[in-house]
N, C-alpha and C. Protein backbone atom coordinates (compact mmCIF):
# COMPACT_ATOMS: atom_id res chain seq x y z
N MET A 1 37.17 -1.80 29.86
CA MET A 1 38.31 -2.67 29.66
C MET A 1 38.09 -3.60 28.47
N LEU A 2 36.85 -4.07 28.31
CA LEU A 2 36.53 -4.96 27.18
C LEU A 2 36.84 -4.30 25.86
N GLY A 3 36.54 -3.00 25.77
CA GLY A 3 36.80 -2.25 24.52
C GLY A 3 38.27 -2.30 24.16
N PHE A 4 39.16 -2.18 25.12
CA PHE A 4 40.59 -2.26 24.85
C PHE A 4 40.95 -3.56 24.20
N PHE A 5 40.43 -4.69 24.78
CA PHE A 5 40.75 -6.01 24.24
C PHE A 5 40.19 -6.25 22.87
N ARG A 6 38.98 -5.70 22.63
CA ARG A 6 38.38 -5.85 21.32
C ARG A 6 39.19 -5.10 20.24
N ARG A 7 39.62 -3.88 20.61
CA ARG A 7 40.43 -3.08 19.67
C ARG A 7 41.77 -3.77 19.41
N ARG A 8 42.38 -4.34 20.42
CA ARG A 8 43.63 -5.05 20.26
C ARG A 8 43.45 -6.26 19.35
N LYS A 9 42.36 -6.99 19.57
CA LYS A 9 42.06 -8.14 18.72
C LYS A 9 41.86 -7.71 17.26
N LEU A 10 41.10 -6.59 17.06
CA LEU A 10 40.88 -6.09 15.73
C LEU A 10 42.19 -5.66 15.06
N ARG A 11 43.02 -4.95 15.80
CA ARG A 11 44.33 -4.50 15.27
C ARG A 11 45.18 -5.70 14.87
N ASN A 12 45.22 -6.74 15.75
CA ASN A 12 46.05 -7.92 15.43
C ASN A 12 45.51 -8.68 14.24
N LEU A 13 44.19 -8.85 14.17
CA LEU A 13 43.60 -9.55 12.99
C LEU A 13 43.88 -8.73 11.72
N ARG A 14 43.71 -7.43 11.80
CA ARG A 14 43.95 -6.59 10.61
C ARG A 14 45.39 -6.68 10.11
N LYS A 15 46.29 -6.72 11.07
CA LYS A 15 47.72 -6.78 10.73
C LYS A 15 48.13 -8.14 10.20
N ASN A 16 47.49 -9.21 10.64
CA ASN A 16 47.94 -10.58 10.35
C ASN A 16 47.10 -11.31 9.32
N THR A 17 46.24 -10.61 8.61
CA THR A 17 45.44 -11.28 7.59
C THR A 17 45.32 -10.41 6.32
N GLU A 18 45.16 -11.06 5.22
CA GLU A 18 44.93 -10.38 3.96
C GLU A 18 43.46 -10.34 3.60
N GLU A 19 42.61 -10.72 4.54
CA GLU A 19 41.16 -10.77 4.28
C GLU A 19 40.60 -9.37 4.06
N THR A 20 39.48 -9.32 3.41
CA THR A 20 38.74 -8.07 3.21
C THR A 20 38.06 -7.68 4.51
N LEU A 21 38.22 -6.43 4.93
CA LEU A 21 37.58 -5.95 6.14
C LEU A 21 36.35 -5.09 5.78
N VAL A 22 35.21 -5.51 6.34
CA VAL A 22 33.97 -4.79 6.16
C VAL A 22 33.64 -4.12 7.47
N MET A 23 33.34 -2.84 7.43
CA MET A 23 32.94 -2.06 8.63
C MET A 23 31.46 -1.82 8.50
N HIS A 24 30.69 -2.18 9.53
CA HIS A 24 29.25 -2.02 9.52
C HIS A 24 28.81 -1.05 10.59
N ILE A 25 28.18 0.08 10.17
CA ILE A 25 27.71 1.08 11.09
C ILE A 25 26.23 1.35 10.83
N GLY A 26 25.57 1.97 11.73
CA GLY A 26 24.17 2.36 11.55
C GLY A 26 23.67 3.22 12.68
N ASP A 27 22.61 3.92 12.38
CA ASP A 27 21.94 4.77 13.44
C ASP A 27 22.96 5.68 14.09
N THR A 28 23.65 6.47 13.21
CA THR A 28 24.76 7.29 13.67
C THR A 28 24.36 8.73 13.92
N PRO A 29 24.34 9.16 15.19
CA PRO A 29 24.18 10.57 15.44
C PRO A 29 25.48 11.30 15.11
N GLU A 30 25.36 12.59 14.84
CA GLU A 30 26.56 13.35 14.48
C GLU A 30 27.65 13.27 15.54
N SER A 31 27.31 13.08 16.77
CA SER A 31 28.30 13.00 17.82
C SER A 31 29.29 11.86 17.66
N VAL A 32 28.97 10.85 16.84
CA VAL A 32 29.91 9.72 16.64
C VAL A 32 30.68 9.84 15.32
N TYR A 33 30.47 10.87 14.55
CA TYR A 33 31.13 10.95 13.25
C TYR A 33 32.65 10.94 13.42
N ARG A 34 33.18 11.70 14.33
CA ARG A 34 34.63 11.70 14.53
C ARG A 34 35.15 10.34 14.97
N PHE A 35 34.40 9.67 15.82
CA PHE A 35 34.71 8.32 16.24
C PHE A 35 34.75 7.39 15.05
N VAL A 36 33.78 7.46 14.19
CA VAL A 36 33.73 6.60 12.97
C VAL A 36 34.89 6.95 12.08
N GLU A 37 35.20 8.21 11.93
CA GLU A 37 36.33 8.62 11.08
C GLU A 37 37.63 8.06 11.63
N LYS A 38 37.78 8.08 12.92
CA LYS A 38 39.02 7.55 13.55
C LYS A 38 39.12 6.04 13.34
N LEU A 39 38.00 5.28 13.45
CA LEU A 39 38.04 3.87 13.18
C LEU A 39 38.48 3.60 11.76
N ILE A 40 37.95 4.39 10.83
CA ILE A 40 38.32 4.23 9.41
C ILE A 40 39.80 4.49 9.24
N GLU A 41 40.33 5.55 9.88
CA GLU A 41 41.76 5.87 9.78
C GLU A 41 42.59 4.74 10.37
N ASP A 42 42.16 4.18 11.49
CA ASP A 42 42.93 3.17 12.19
C ASP A 42 42.91 1.82 11.50
N TYR A 43 41.82 1.44 10.86
CA TYR A 43 41.66 0.06 10.35
C TYR A 43 41.49 -0.07 8.84
N SER A 44 41.30 1.05 8.15
CA SER A 44 41.22 1.09 6.67
C SER A 44 40.35 -0.02 6.09
N PRO A 45 39.08 -0.05 6.40
CA PRO A 45 38.20 -1.10 5.82
C PRO A 45 38.09 -0.93 4.30
N GLU A 46 38.00 -2.05 3.61
CA GLU A 46 37.81 -2.02 2.16
C GLU A 46 36.36 -1.75 1.80
N VAL A 47 35.45 -2.14 2.67
CA VAL A 47 34.02 -1.94 2.45
C VAL A 47 33.41 -1.34 3.73
N ILE A 48 32.53 -0.35 3.53
CA ILE A 48 31.76 0.24 4.63
C ILE A 48 30.30 0.11 4.27
N ILE A 49 29.53 -0.43 5.25
CA ILE A 49 28.09 -0.56 5.09
C ILE A 49 27.41 0.23 6.18
N HIS A 50 26.54 1.12 5.77
CA HIS A 50 25.71 1.89 6.74
C HIS A 50 24.29 1.45 6.57
N THR A 51 23.69 0.97 7.64
CA THR A 51 22.32 0.42 7.55
C THR A 51 21.24 1.41 8.00
N GLY A 52 21.43 2.65 7.74
CA GLY A 52 20.38 3.63 7.86
C GLY A 52 20.34 4.50 9.11
N ASP A 53 19.55 5.56 9.00
CA ASP A 53 19.47 6.64 9.97
C ASP A 53 20.85 7.24 10.07
N LEU A 54 21.24 7.86 9.00
CA LEU A 54 22.62 8.39 8.83
C LEU A 54 22.89 9.58 9.76
N VAL A 55 21.85 10.37 10.03
CA VAL A 55 21.99 11.51 10.96
C VAL A 55 20.96 11.26 12.06
N ASP A 56 21.25 10.29 12.92
CA ASP A 56 20.23 9.75 13.81
C ASP A 56 19.85 10.70 14.97
N ASN A 57 20.56 11.79 15.14
CA ASN A 57 20.14 12.76 16.14
C ASN A 57 19.04 13.67 15.59
N ILE A 58 18.79 13.61 14.28
CA ILE A 58 17.70 14.34 13.65
C ILE A 58 16.63 13.35 13.29
N LYS A 59 15.50 13.39 13.92
CA LYS A 59 14.39 12.47 13.65
C LYS A 59 13.51 13.07 12.54
N LEU A 60 14.01 12.99 11.33
CA LEU A 60 13.38 13.65 10.20
C LEU A 60 11.97 13.16 9.94
N GLU A 61 11.71 11.90 10.23
CA GLU A 61 10.40 11.32 10.00
C GLU A 61 9.37 12.07 10.85
N ARG A 62 9.73 12.47 12.06
CA ARG A 62 8.81 13.13 12.95
C ARG A 62 8.97 14.66 12.96
N LYS A 63 10.11 15.15 12.51
CA LYS A 63 10.40 16.58 12.56
C LYS A 63 10.96 17.06 11.24
N PRO A 64 10.13 17.06 10.17
CA PRO A 64 10.62 17.41 8.87
C PRO A 64 11.19 18.84 8.75
N TRP A 65 10.81 19.74 9.63
CA TRP A 65 11.34 21.08 9.61
C TRP A 65 12.82 21.16 9.95
N LEU A 66 13.39 20.05 10.40
CA LEU A 66 14.83 20.01 10.69
C LEU A 66 15.67 19.61 9.47
N LYS A 67 15.06 19.61 8.32
CA LYS A 67 15.77 19.16 7.08
C LYS A 67 17.11 19.89 6.85
N PRO A 68 17.20 21.23 7.04
CA PRO A 68 18.50 21.89 6.86
C PRO A 68 19.60 21.31 7.76
N ALA A 69 19.27 21.04 9.01
CA ALA A 69 20.27 20.44 9.91
C ALA A 69 20.60 19.01 9.48
N TYR A 70 19.58 18.28 8.99
CA TYR A 70 19.82 16.93 8.46
C TYR A 70 20.79 16.97 7.28
N ILE A 71 20.54 17.88 6.38
CA ILE A 71 21.41 18.00 5.19
C ILE A 71 22.85 18.32 5.61
N ALA A 72 23.01 19.20 6.59
CA ALA A 72 24.38 19.52 7.08
C ALA A 72 25.06 18.28 7.64
N GLY A 73 24.33 17.48 8.43
CA GLY A 73 24.89 16.27 8.99
C GLY A 73 25.20 15.26 7.94
N LEU A 74 24.31 15.11 6.97
CA LEU A 74 24.51 14.18 5.85
C LEU A 74 25.76 14.55 5.05
N ARG A 75 25.94 15.85 4.86
CA ARG A 75 27.15 16.32 4.11
C ARG A 75 28.43 15.93 4.89
N LYS A 76 28.42 16.08 6.20
CA LYS A 76 29.62 15.72 7.01
C LYS A 76 29.91 14.24 6.89
N LEU A 77 28.86 13.42 7.03
CA LEU A 77 29.07 11.96 6.98
C LEU A 77 29.51 11.50 5.62
N ALA A 78 28.92 12.11 4.56
CA ALA A 78 29.31 11.75 3.18
C ALA A 78 30.76 12.07 2.98
N HIS A 79 31.22 13.20 3.49
CA HIS A 79 32.64 13.56 3.35
C HIS A 79 33.54 12.50 4.01
N ILE A 80 33.18 12.03 5.16
CA ILE A 80 33.96 11.03 5.88
C ILE A 80 33.95 9.70 5.12
N LEU A 81 32.76 9.20 4.79
CA LEU A 81 32.65 7.89 4.18
C LEU A 81 33.20 7.85 2.77
N LYS A 82 32.89 8.85 1.96
CA LYS A 82 33.40 8.87 0.61
C LYS A 82 34.90 9.14 0.55
N GLY A 83 35.39 9.87 1.56
CA GLY A 83 36.83 10.12 1.63
C GLY A 83 37.64 8.93 2.08
N SER A 84 36.98 7.85 2.53
CA SER A 84 37.67 6.68 3.02
C SER A 84 38.28 5.85 1.91
N GLY A 85 37.76 5.98 0.70
CA GLY A 85 38.22 5.16 -0.40
C GLY A 85 37.61 3.75 -0.40
N ALA A 86 36.79 3.46 0.58
CA ALA A 86 36.15 2.12 0.67
C ALA A 86 34.97 2.02 -0.29
N LYS A 87 34.63 0.83 -0.66
CA LYS A 87 33.39 0.57 -1.38
C LYS A 87 32.27 0.79 -0.39
N LEU A 88 31.25 1.55 -0.76
CA LEU A 88 30.15 1.90 0.16
C LEU A 88 28.86 1.22 -0.24
N TYR A 89 28.10 0.82 0.76
CA TYR A 89 26.72 0.38 0.64
C TYR A 89 25.95 1.17 1.71
N ILE A 90 24.97 1.92 1.22
CA ILE A 90 24.17 2.77 2.13
C ILE A 90 22.69 2.36 2.01
N VAL A 91 22.10 1.95 3.13
CA VAL A 91 20.70 1.58 3.18
C VAL A 91 19.95 2.73 3.87
N PRO A 92 19.03 3.40 3.20
CA PRO A 92 18.29 4.46 3.90
C PRO A 92 17.42 3.87 5.03
N GLY A 93 17.34 4.64 6.11
CA GLY A 93 16.50 4.24 7.26
C GLY A 93 15.21 5.05 7.31
N ASN A 94 14.40 4.76 8.31
CA ASN A 94 13.12 5.43 8.45
C ASN A 94 13.27 6.93 8.76
N GLU A 95 14.41 7.33 9.31
CA GLU A 95 14.64 8.74 9.61
C GLU A 95 15.41 9.46 8.50
N ASP A 96 15.60 8.81 7.37
CA ASP A 96 16.34 9.40 6.28
C ASP A 96 15.44 9.90 5.17
N ASP A 97 15.91 10.90 4.43
CA ASP A 97 15.22 11.36 3.20
C ASP A 97 15.95 10.63 2.07
N VAL A 98 15.26 9.70 1.47
CA VAL A 98 15.91 8.81 0.45
C VAL A 98 16.48 9.60 -0.70
N GLU A 99 15.78 10.60 -1.20
CA GLU A 99 16.31 11.40 -2.29
C GLU A 99 17.59 12.17 -1.92
N LEU A 100 17.64 12.70 -0.70
CA LEU A 100 18.87 13.35 -0.26
C LEU A 100 20.00 12.37 -0.09
N VAL A 101 19.71 11.21 0.43
CA VAL A 101 20.74 10.16 0.60
C VAL A 101 21.29 9.81 -0.75
N LYS A 102 20.43 9.66 -1.77
CA LYS A 102 20.90 9.36 -3.13
C LYS A 102 21.71 10.49 -3.68
N LYS A 103 21.32 11.72 -3.35
CA LYS A 103 22.08 12.87 -3.85
C LYS A 103 23.51 12.86 -3.32
N PHE A 104 23.66 12.51 -2.06
CA PHE A 104 25.01 12.50 -1.44
C PHE A 104 25.79 11.22 -1.73
N PHE A 105 25.11 10.08 -1.91
CA PHE A 105 25.83 8.82 -2.02
C PHE A 105 25.61 8.10 -3.32
N GLY A 106 24.75 8.58 -4.20
CA GLY A 106 24.60 8.07 -5.57
C GLY A 106 24.39 6.57 -5.65
N GLU A 107 25.23 5.95 -6.45
CA GLU A 107 25.16 4.51 -6.74
C GLU A 107 25.42 3.63 -5.52
N SER A 108 25.89 4.18 -4.44
CA SER A 108 26.17 3.39 -3.24
C SER A 108 24.88 3.04 -2.49
N VAL A 109 23.77 3.71 -2.80
CA VAL A 109 22.52 3.49 -2.10
C VAL A 109 21.88 2.20 -2.61
N VAL A 110 21.48 1.35 -1.61
CA VAL A 110 20.80 0.07 -1.94
C VAL A 110 19.51 0.03 -1.14
N ASN A 111 18.57 -0.72 -1.68
CA ASN A 111 17.26 -0.87 -1.03
C ASN A 111 17.36 -1.77 0.18
N PRO A 112 16.53 -1.50 1.22
CA PRO A 112 16.44 -2.43 2.33
C PRO A 112 16.03 -3.82 1.83
N GLY A 113 16.73 -4.82 2.31
CA GLY A 113 16.46 -6.20 1.87
C GLY A 113 17.39 -6.66 0.77
N SER A 114 18.27 -5.77 0.29
CA SER A 114 19.24 -6.17 -0.73
C SER A 114 20.20 -7.19 -0.18
N VAL A 115 20.65 -8.11 -1.06
CA VAL A 115 21.67 -9.07 -0.70
C VAL A 115 22.89 -8.83 -1.60
N VAL A 116 24.04 -8.68 -1.00
CA VAL A 116 25.26 -8.46 -1.77
C VAL A 116 26.25 -9.61 -1.48
N GLU A 117 27.14 -9.81 -2.39
CA GLU A 117 28.18 -10.83 -2.19
C GLU A 117 29.52 -10.14 -2.13
N ILE A 118 30.26 -10.49 -1.08
CA ILE A 118 31.62 -9.97 -0.90
C ILE A 118 32.52 -11.13 -0.54
N GLU A 119 33.53 -11.36 -1.31
CA GLU A 119 34.52 -12.45 -1.03
C GLU A 119 33.80 -13.80 -0.88
N GLY A 120 32.79 -14.05 -1.69
CA GLY A 120 32.11 -15.34 -1.68
C GLY A 120 31.12 -15.52 -0.55
N ARG A 121 30.89 -14.49 0.26
CA ARG A 121 29.93 -14.55 1.36
C ARG A 121 28.79 -13.60 1.06
N THR A 122 27.57 -14.00 1.44
CA THR A 122 26.40 -13.18 1.17
C THR A 122 26.02 -12.40 2.43
N LEU A 123 25.65 -11.11 2.22
CA LEU A 123 25.23 -10.24 3.30
C LEU A 123 23.89 -9.63 2.90
N ALA A 124 22.90 -9.84 3.76
CA ALA A 124 21.60 -9.18 3.56
C ALA A 124 21.69 -7.84 4.30
N LEU A 125 21.24 -6.76 3.64
CA LEU A 125 21.37 -5.43 4.18
C LEU A 125 20.02 -4.82 4.35
N GLY A 126 19.70 -4.34 5.54
CA GLY A 126 18.43 -3.68 5.83
C GLY A 126 18.59 -2.67 6.90
N HIS A 127 17.58 -1.84 7.09
CA HIS A 127 17.60 -0.92 8.18
C HIS A 127 17.09 -1.61 9.43
N SER A 128 16.04 -2.34 9.33
CA SER A 128 15.44 -3.07 10.44
C SER A 128 15.66 -4.56 10.28
N TRP A 129 15.58 -5.28 11.36
CA TRP A 129 15.71 -6.75 11.28
C TRP A 129 14.65 -7.34 10.39
N LYS A 130 13.51 -6.68 10.28
CA LYS A 130 12.42 -7.20 9.46
C LYS A 130 12.82 -7.18 7.96
N ASP A 131 13.73 -6.30 7.56
CA ASP A 131 14.18 -6.23 6.18
C ASP A 131 14.99 -7.43 5.77
N VAL A 132 15.63 -8.08 6.74
CA VAL A 132 16.59 -9.16 6.45
C VAL A 132 16.27 -10.54 7.03
N ALA A 133 15.31 -10.59 7.93
CA ALA A 133 15.03 -11.81 8.67
C ALA A 133 14.77 -13.01 7.79
N ASP A 134 14.07 -12.83 6.67
CA ASP A 134 13.70 -13.97 5.81
C ASP A 134 14.66 -14.13 4.63
N LYS A 135 15.75 -13.39 4.60
CA LYS A 135 16.71 -13.48 3.53
C LYS A 135 17.67 -14.68 3.75
N ASN A 136 18.01 -15.32 2.67
CA ASN A 136 18.98 -16.39 2.73
C ASN A 136 20.38 -15.77 2.55
N ALA A 137 21.10 -15.62 3.64
CA ALA A 137 22.42 -14.95 3.59
C ALA A 137 23.29 -15.47 4.72
N ASP A 138 24.58 -15.38 4.52
CA ASP A 138 25.55 -15.77 5.57
C ASP A 138 25.44 -14.83 6.76
N PHE A 139 25.25 -13.53 6.52
CA PHE A 139 25.14 -12.52 7.54
C PHE A 139 23.97 -11.59 7.25
N LYS A 140 23.32 -11.11 8.29
CA LYS A 140 22.21 -10.20 8.13
C LYS A 140 22.54 -8.93 8.89
N LEU A 141 22.78 -7.85 8.16
CA LEU A 141 23.22 -6.59 8.75
C LEU A 141 22.05 -5.61 8.79
N TYR A 142 21.84 -5.00 9.96
CA TYR A 142 20.73 -4.09 10.18
C TYR A 142 21.01 -3.25 11.39
N GLY A 143 20.00 -2.44 11.79
CA GLY A 143 20.10 -1.65 12.99
C GLY A 143 18.67 -1.33 13.50
N HIS A 144 18.38 -0.06 13.72
CA HIS A 144 17.10 0.50 14.02
C HIS A 144 16.66 0.29 15.48
N ASN A 145 16.81 -0.91 16.05
CA ASN A 145 16.46 -1.11 17.45
C ASN A 145 17.41 -2.17 18.03
N PHE A 146 17.11 -2.69 19.19
CA PHE A 146 18.05 -3.57 19.87
C PHE A 146 17.79 -5.07 19.61
N LYS A 147 16.90 -5.38 18.71
CA LYS A 147 16.52 -6.77 18.39
C LYS A 147 17.74 -7.56 17.88
N ALA A 148 17.83 -8.80 18.32
CA ALA A 148 18.89 -9.71 17.87
C ALA A 148 18.19 -10.85 17.08
N ILE A 149 18.76 -11.24 15.96
CA ILE A 149 18.21 -12.34 15.18
C ILE A 149 19.35 -13.29 14.79
N PRO A 150 19.04 -14.55 14.45
CA PRO A 150 20.08 -15.49 14.02
C PRO A 150 20.83 -14.93 12.79
N LYS A 151 22.13 -15.09 12.81
CA LYS A 151 23.05 -14.63 11.79
C LYS A 151 23.09 -13.11 11.67
N GLY A 152 22.51 -12.40 12.64
CA GLY A 152 22.38 -10.97 12.59
C GLY A 152 23.54 -10.22 13.18
N LEU A 153 23.88 -9.07 12.58
CA LEU A 153 24.85 -8.11 13.11
C LEU A 153 24.07 -6.79 13.23
N ASN A 154 23.85 -6.36 14.43
CA ASN A 154 23.04 -5.16 14.69
C ASN A 154 23.95 -3.97 14.96
N ALA A 155 23.87 -2.94 14.11
CA ALA A 155 24.76 -1.77 14.25
C ALA A 155 24.34 -0.82 15.35
N VAL A 156 23.17 -1.01 15.94
CA VAL A 156 22.82 -0.18 17.11
C VAL A 156 23.69 -0.59 18.31
N LEU A 157 24.02 -1.88 18.37
CA LEU A 157 24.78 -2.40 19.51
C LEU A 157 26.27 -2.08 19.48
N GLY A 158 26.76 -1.73 18.27
CA GLY A 158 28.18 -1.39 18.16
C GLY A 158 28.58 -1.40 16.69
N VAL A 159 29.82 -0.98 16.44
CA VAL A 159 30.41 -1.02 15.10
C VAL A 159 30.90 -2.42 14.86
N ASN A 160 30.39 -3.07 13.83
CA ASN A 160 30.78 -4.42 13.53
C ASN A 160 31.88 -4.44 12.49
N PHE A 161 32.97 -5.13 12.73
CA PHE A 161 34.00 -5.36 11.77
C PHE A 161 33.96 -6.83 11.38
N LEU A 162 33.81 -7.08 10.13
CA LEU A 162 33.63 -8.43 9.58
C LEU A 162 34.77 -8.72 8.64
N PHE A 163 35.51 -9.81 8.93
CA PHE A 163 36.58 -10.23 8.06
C PHE A 163 36.06 -11.29 7.10
N LEU A 164 36.28 -11.06 5.82
CA LEU A 164 35.79 -12.01 4.80
C LEU A 164 36.91 -12.50 3.93
N PRO A 165 36.93 -13.79 3.63
CA PRO A 165 35.77 -14.71 3.68
C PRO A 165 35.62 -15.50 4.98
N SER A 166 36.50 -15.37 5.96
CA SER A 166 36.40 -16.25 7.14
C SER A 166 35.15 -16.02 7.98
N GLY A 167 34.65 -14.79 7.98
CA GLY A 167 33.45 -14.49 8.77
C GLY A 167 33.74 -14.13 10.21
N ARG A 168 34.98 -13.90 10.55
CA ARG A 168 35.29 -13.47 11.91
C ARG A 168 34.73 -12.05 12.14
N VAL A 169 34.14 -11.84 13.32
CA VAL A 169 33.50 -10.55 13.64
C VAL A 169 34.09 -10.00 14.94
N VAL A 170 34.40 -8.69 14.90
CA VAL A 170 34.79 -7.98 16.14
C VAL A 170 33.88 -6.77 16.24
N ARG A 171 33.22 -6.63 17.40
CA ARG A 171 32.35 -5.50 17.62
C ARG A 171 33.02 -4.49 18.57
N ILE A 172 33.02 -3.25 18.14
CA ILE A 172 33.57 -2.16 18.94
C ILE A 172 32.41 -1.28 19.40
N ASP A 173 32.34 -1.04 20.69
CA ASP A 173 31.21 -0.26 21.23
C ASP A 173 31.33 1.21 20.78
N TYR A 174 30.19 1.80 20.59
CA TYR A 174 30.13 3.25 20.32
C TYR A 174 30.53 3.99 21.57
N PRO A 175 30.89 5.25 21.49
CA PRO A 175 31.21 6.03 22.68
C PRO A 175 30.05 6.13 23.65
N VAL A 176 30.38 6.32 24.91
CA VAL A 176 29.32 6.56 25.96
C VAL A 176 28.53 7.77 25.49
N GLY A 177 27.22 7.64 25.66
CA GLY A 177 26.35 8.76 25.31
C GLY A 177 25.72 8.65 23.92
N THR A 178 26.14 7.66 23.15
CA THR A 178 25.59 7.50 21.80
C THR A 178 24.11 7.27 21.81
N ASP A 179 23.63 6.42 22.66
CA ASP A 179 22.19 6.13 22.71
C ASP A 179 21.40 7.39 23.10
N THR A 180 21.96 8.20 24.00
CA THR A 180 21.30 9.45 24.36
C THR A 180 21.24 10.38 23.15
N ALA A 181 22.34 10.47 22.40
CA ALA A 181 22.36 11.31 21.20
C ALA A 181 21.39 10.78 20.13
N ARG A 182 21.14 9.49 20.12
CA ARG A 182 20.16 8.91 19.19
C ARG A 182 18.73 9.26 19.62
N GLY A 183 18.58 9.70 20.87
CA GLY A 183 17.26 10.02 21.40
C GLY A 183 16.60 8.87 22.11
N TYR A 184 17.37 7.80 22.36
CA TYR A 184 16.80 6.64 23.09
C TYR A 184 16.66 7.03 24.59
N ARG A 185 15.56 6.72 25.15
CA ARG A 185 15.31 6.98 26.54
C ARG A 185 15.66 5.72 27.37
N LEU A 186 16.29 5.93 28.49
CA LEU A 186 16.61 4.85 29.38
C LEU A 186 15.47 4.68 30.38
N TRP A 187 14.91 3.47 30.45
CA TRP A 187 13.83 3.20 31.38
C TRP A 187 14.40 2.61 32.69
N ARG A 188 13.98 3.17 33.77
CA ARG A 188 14.45 2.71 35.04
C ARG A 188 13.26 2.11 35.82
N GLY A 189 13.58 1.21 36.70
CA GLY A 189 12.57 0.65 37.52
C GLY A 189 11.87 -0.50 36.92
N LEU A 190 10.63 -0.71 37.28
CA LEU A 190 9.81 -1.88 36.89
C LEU A 190 10.27 -3.02 37.60
């Protein structure tokens, strides 16, 4: 039910403001690509930031023999993101092949720890919270794990929509099963 209210809030804000809309995603398994594409269609963000692990169902760092499947997933995501018409910022993650990410996204690729300015607000971009924790920025965008930090927006926890320059944030949850597709194990007991 909370998701319904968040989407309604996002739709109302989008309709009633001229602010720039930034969409922040990260750690995206292929199973969420259609969901991401639908959010782009519904809300037309002017800027999209992906904070790494673009094909998060493929753990390339540990299973390099899966590179052909990784390339296929990267191609699908590049088609969606580049087709959006939004300004892109792509931060490679630990499960990404940096050269392949550059091949598909070119000048949109930024190094972890980069700080960008959008509508007079500064955003530190990293894959992990460690990339941005010490940066002087209005917002710190990252993913990789469930860690929360001051001024942080963690893309593992959901898709963050950031209205600039006001700084209003609406988080939309990923579909059920996303963490399983990412390969996260649920611990029970203790």
